[in-house]
Amino acid sequence: MKYTNAQKVLPEKLILEIQKYVQGETIYIPKPESDYQKWGTSTGSRKRLDYRNAAIRDAFARGVRIERLAEDYYLSVESIKKIVYSH
């Protein structure tokens, strides 16, 4: 989270109005929900996990056992079960 001095970015009238409610405290102003991104979308992590999970589901559909998939992908058996039994 980034902090910005309100006097640098807000009009004086607005600062005076906000001071009626909060003074000398840090206030968080969230961005609009329309600007939110899902986890990992900006770094590509989400895409890599989706690709990995699709490969795990495909291998499971071809008959590879859950225990083997857990070994191959360095995941727990429970994690593999969540992946193959979701969707």
N, C-alpha and C. Protein backbone atom coordinates (compact mmCIF):
# COMPACT_ATOMS: atom_id res chain seq x y z
N MET A 1 0.85 -1.16 0.00
CA MET A 1 0.00 0.00 0.00
C MET A 1 0.90 1.23 0.00
N LYS A 2 0.53 2.20 -0.78
CA LYS A 2 1.30 3.42 -0.94
C LYS A 2 0.60 4.56 -0.18
N TYR A 3 1.39 5.40 0.49
CA TYR A 3 0.84 6.54 1.21
C TYR A 3 1.16 7.83 0.45
N THR A 4 0.19 8.72 0.38
CA THR A 4 0.35 10.00 -0.29
C THR A 4 -0.21 11.08 0.62
N ASN A 5 0.50 12.19 0.72
CA ASN A 5 0.03 13.32 1.50
C ASN A 5 -1.19 13.91 0.81
N ALA A 6 -2.30 14.01 1.52
CA ALA A 6 -3.55 14.50 0.94
C ALA A 6 -3.40 15.90 0.37
N GLN A 7 -2.56 16.73 1.00
CA GLN A 7 -2.39 18.10 0.52
C GLN A 7 -1.77 18.16 -0.86
N LYS A 8 -1.10 17.08 -1.26
CA LYS A 8 -0.48 17.05 -2.58
C LYS A 8 -1.46 16.65 -3.68
N VAL A 9 -2.54 15.98 -3.33
CA VAL A 9 -3.42 15.43 -4.37
C VAL A 9 -4.89 15.84 -4.28
N LEU A 10 -5.31 16.37 -3.14
CA LEU A 10 -6.72 16.71 -2.97
C LEU A 10 -6.92 18.22 -2.86
N PRO A 11 -8.05 18.71 -3.35
CA PRO A 11 -8.34 20.14 -3.21
C PRO A 11 -8.56 20.49 -1.73
N GLU A 12 -8.23 21.72 -1.39
CA GLU A 12 -8.32 22.16 0.01
C GLU A 12 -9.72 22.01 0.57
N LYS A 13 -10.75 22.30 -0.23
CA LYS A 13 -12.14 22.16 0.24
C LYS A 13 -12.45 20.72 0.65
N LEU A 14 -11.94 19.79 -0.14
CA LEU A 14 -12.19 18.38 0.17
C LEU A 14 -11.45 17.98 1.45
N ILE A 15 -10.24 18.45 1.61
CA ILE A 15 -9.47 18.15 2.84
C ILE A 15 -10.21 18.68 4.06
N LEU A 16 -10.73 19.91 3.97
CA LEU A 16 -11.48 20.48 5.09
C LEU A 16 -12.72 19.65 5.41
N GLU A 17 -13.37 19.15 4.38
CA GLU A 17 -14.55 18.31 4.58
C GLU A 17 -14.16 16.98 5.26
N ILE A 18 -13.10 16.35 4.80
CA ILE A 18 -12.64 15.08 5.39
C ILE A 18 -12.23 15.30 6.85
N GLN A 19 -11.62 16.45 7.14
CA GLN A 19 -11.17 16.73 8.51
C GLN A 19 -12.33 16.82 9.50
N LYS A 20 -13.53 16.98 9.02
CA LYS A 20 -14.70 16.96 9.92
C LYS A 20 -14.90 15.57 10.50
N TYR A 21 -14.38 14.56 9.80
CA TYR A 21 -14.59 13.16 10.20
C TYR A 21 -13.32 12.51 10.74
N VAL A 22 -12.18 12.84 10.17
CA VAL A 22 -10.91 12.20 10.53
C VAL A 22 -9.83 13.26 10.54
N GLN A 23 -9.01 13.25 11.59
CA GLN A 23 -7.89 14.21 11.68
C GLN A 23 -6.66 13.50 12.19
N GLY A 24 -5.54 13.68 11.49
CA GLY A 24 -4.27 13.14 11.94
C GLY A 24 -4.19 11.63 11.93
N GLU A 25 -5.03 10.98 11.17
CA GLU A 25 -5.01 9.52 11.08
C GLU A 25 -4.78 9.11 9.63
N THR A 26 -4.38 7.89 9.46
CA THR A 26 -4.24 7.34 8.12
C THR A 26 -5.61 6.82 7.68
N ILE A 27 -5.99 7.15 6.49
CA ILE A 27 -7.27 6.70 5.96
C ILE A 27 -7.01 5.95 4.65
N TYR A 28 -7.64 4.82 4.50
CA TYR A 28 -7.48 4.00 3.30
C TYR A 28 -8.62 4.30 2.34
N ILE A 29 -8.28 4.61 1.10
CA ILE A 29 -9.29 4.84 0.07
C ILE A 29 -9.12 3.74 -0.97
N PRO A 30 -10.05 2.78 -0.99
CA PRO A 30 -9.90 1.65 -1.93
C PRO A 30 -10.13 2.09 -3.37
N LYS A 31 -9.53 1.33 -4.27
CA LYS A 31 -9.80 1.61 -5.68
C LYS A 31 -11.14 0.98 -6.04
N PRO A 32 -11.75 1.44 -7.13
CA PRO A 32 -13.05 0.88 -7.53
C PRO A 32 -12.92 -0.62 -7.82
N GLU A 33 -13.98 -1.35 -7.52
CA GLU A 33 -13.95 -2.80 -7.74
C GLU A 33 -13.67 -3.14 -9.19
N SER A 34 -14.04 -2.27 -10.09
CA SER A 34 -13.81 -2.54 -11.52
C SER A 34 -12.31 -2.55 -11.85
N ASP A 35 -11.48 -1.98 -10.99
CA ASP A 35 -10.03 -1.95 -11.22
C ASP A 35 -9.30 -3.14 -10.62
N TYR A 36 -10.00 -3.96 -9.82
CA TYR A 36 -9.35 -5.11 -9.19
C TYR A 36 -8.98 -6.16 -10.23
N GLN A 37 -7.86 -6.82 -10.01
CA GLN A 37 -7.47 -7.93 -10.86
C GLN A 37 -7.41 -9.18 -9.98
N LYS A 38 -7.67 -10.31 -10.59
CA LYS A 38 -7.55 -11.56 -9.86
C LYS A 38 -6.09 -11.81 -9.52
N TRP A 39 -5.86 -12.59 -8.48
CA TRP A 39 -4.51 -12.88 -8.05
C TRP A 39 -3.70 -13.47 -9.20
N GLY A 40 -2.49 -12.95 -9.36
CA GLY A 40 -1.54 -13.51 -10.32
C GLY A 40 -1.72 -13.10 -11.76
N THR A 41 -2.73 -12.31 -12.07
CA THR A 41 -2.95 -11.96 -13.47
C THR A 41 -1.88 -11.01 -14.00
N SER A 42 -1.38 -10.13 -13.17
CA SER A 42 -0.39 -9.17 -13.67
C SER A 42 1.01 -9.77 -13.78
N THR A 43 1.29 -10.83 -13.03
CA THR A 43 2.62 -11.44 -13.06
C THR A 43 2.70 -12.68 -13.93
N GLY A 44 1.55 -13.22 -14.34
CA GLY A 44 1.54 -14.45 -15.12
C GLY A 44 1.45 -15.70 -14.28
N SER A 45 1.47 -15.54 -12.95
CA SER A 45 1.41 -16.71 -12.06
C SER A 45 0.11 -17.46 -12.24
N ARG A 46 -0.99 -16.75 -12.38
CA ARG A 46 -2.29 -17.40 -12.54
C ARG A 46 -2.30 -18.27 -13.80
N LYS A 47 -1.73 -17.74 -14.89
CA LYS A 47 -1.69 -18.48 -16.15
C LYS A 47 -0.86 -19.76 -16.01
N ARG A 48 0.28 -19.67 -15.31
CA ARG A 48 1.12 -20.85 -15.11
C ARG A 48 0.41 -21.90 -14.26
N LEU A 49 -0.30 -21.46 -13.21
CA LEU A 49 -1.04 -22.42 -12.37
C LEU A 49 -2.19 -23.06 -13.15
N ASP A 50 -2.87 -22.27 -13.95
CA ASP A 50 -3.96 -22.83 -14.76
C ASP A 50 -3.42 -23.87 -15.74
N TYR A 51 -2.27 -23.58 -16.35
CA TYR A 51 -1.64 -24.52 -17.27
C TYR A 51 -1.23 -25.80 -16.54
N ARG A 52 -0.60 -25.65 -15.36
CA ARG A 52 -0.18 -26.81 -14.57
C ARG A 52 -1.40 -27.64 -14.18
N ASN A 53 -2.45 -26.99 -13.70
CA ASN A 53 -3.65 -27.72 -13.26
C ASN A 53 -4.32 -28.44 -14.42
N ALA A 54 -4.32 -27.83 -15.59
CA ALA A 54 -4.89 -28.49 -16.77
C ALA A 54 -4.07 -29.73 -17.12
N ALA A 55 -2.75 -29.64 -17.00
CA ALA A 55 -1.89 -30.81 -17.27
C ALA A 55 -2.15 -31.91 -16.26
N ILE A 56 -2.36 -31.54 -15.01
CA ILE A 56 -2.66 -32.54 -13.97
C ILE A 56 -4.00 -33.21 -14.27
N ARG A 57 -5.02 -32.43 -14.62
CA ARG A 57 -6.34 -33.01 -14.94
C ARG A 57 -6.25 -33.94 -16.15
N ASP A 58 -5.48 -33.52 -17.15
CA ASP A 58 -5.32 -34.33 -18.35
C ASP A 58 -4.63 -35.66 -18.02
N ALA A 59 -3.58 -35.59 -17.23
CA ALA A 59 -2.86 -36.82 -16.85
C ALA A 59 -3.78 -37.74 -16.04
N PHE A 60 -4.57 -37.17 -15.13
CA PHE A 60 -5.49 -37.96 -14.33
C PHE A 60 -6.53 -38.63 -15.23
N ALA A 61 -7.03 -37.89 -16.22
CA ALA A 61 -8.02 -38.44 -17.15
C ALA A 61 -7.42 -39.58 -17.98
N ARG A 62 -6.11 -39.55 -18.21
CA ARG A 62 -5.44 -40.61 -18.95
C ARG A 62 -5.06 -41.79 -18.05
N GLY A 63 -5.41 -41.70 -16.76
CA GLY A 63 -5.20 -42.83 -15.87
C GLY A 63 -4.01 -42.75 -14.93
N VAL A 64 -3.30 -41.63 -14.91
CA VAL A 64 -2.19 -41.48 -13.97
C VAL A 64 -2.77 -41.36 -12.57
N ARG A 65 -2.21 -42.13 -11.64
CA ARG A 65 -2.73 -42.17 -10.28
C ARG A 65 -2.42 -40.88 -9.53
N ILE A 66 -3.29 -40.56 -8.59
CA ILE A 66 -3.15 -39.33 -7.79
C ILE A 66 -1.83 -39.30 -7.04
N GLU A 67 -1.42 -40.42 -6.49
CA GLU A 67 -0.16 -40.47 -5.74
C GLU A 67 1.03 -40.13 -6.63
N ARG A 68 0.99 -40.64 -7.87
CA ARG A 68 2.06 -40.36 -8.83
C ARG A 68 2.08 -38.88 -9.22
N LEU A 69 0.90 -38.32 -9.43
CA LEU A 69 0.81 -36.89 -9.77
C LEU A 69 1.35 -36.03 -8.63
N ALA A 70 1.05 -36.43 -7.39
CA ALA A 70 1.57 -35.69 -6.23
C ALA A 70 3.09 -35.71 -6.23
N GLU A 71 3.68 -36.85 -6.53
CA GLU A 71 5.15 -36.95 -6.60
C GLU A 71 5.71 -36.11 -7.75
N ASP A 72 5.10 -36.24 -8.91
CA ASP A 72 5.60 -35.55 -10.11
C ASP A 72 5.53 -34.03 -9.99
N TYR A 73 4.48 -33.53 -9.34
CA TYR A 73 4.28 -32.08 -9.26
C TYR A 73 4.64 -31.50 -7.89
N TYR A 74 5.19 -32.34 -7.01
CA TYR A 74 5.61 -31.89 -5.68
C TYR A 74 4.47 -31.24 -4.91
N LEU A 75 3.31 -31.87 -4.99
CA LEU A 75 2.13 -31.41 -4.26
C LEU A 75 1.62 -32.52 -3.37
N SER A 76 0.80 -32.18 -2.40
CA SER A 76 0.22 -33.20 -1.54
C SER A 76 -0.88 -33.94 -2.29
N VAL A 77 -1.21 -35.11 -1.82
CA VAL A 77 -2.29 -35.90 -2.41
C VAL A 77 -3.59 -35.10 -2.34
N GLU A 78 -3.81 -34.43 -1.21
CA GLU A 78 -5.04 -33.63 -1.05
C GLU A 78 -5.10 -32.49 -2.06
N SER A 79 -3.97 -31.85 -2.34
CA SER A 79 -3.95 -30.77 -3.34
C SER A 79 -4.29 -31.31 -4.72
N ILE A 80 -3.74 -32.46 -5.06
CA ILE A 80 -4.04 -33.07 -6.36
C ILE A 80 -5.52 -33.41 -6.45
N LYS A 81 -6.07 -33.94 -5.37
CA LYS A 81 -7.50 -34.27 -5.37
C LYS A 81 -8.35 -33.02 -5.61
N LYS A 82 -7.99 -31.91 -4.98
CA LYS A 82 -8.73 -30.67 -5.18
C LYS A 82 -8.68 -30.24 -6.64
N ILE A 83 -7.53 -30.41 -7.26
CA ILE A 83 -7.38 -30.01 -8.66
C ILE A 83 -8.18 -30.92 -9.58
N VAL A 84 -8.05 -32.24 -9.42
CA VAL A 84 -8.70 -33.15 -10.37
C VAL A 84 -10.20 -33.28 -10.16
N TYR A 85 -10.68 -33.03 -8.95
CA TYR A 85 -12.11 -33.17 -8.70
C TYR A 85 -12.85 -31.84 -8.78
N SER A 86 -12.15 -30.75 -9.04
CA SER A 86 -12.84 -29.47 -9.25
C SER A 86 -13.16 -29.36 -10.73
N HIS A 87 -14.04 -28.48 -11.08
CA HIS A 87 -14.50 -28.25 -12.46
C HIS A 87 -15.44 -29.34 -12.88
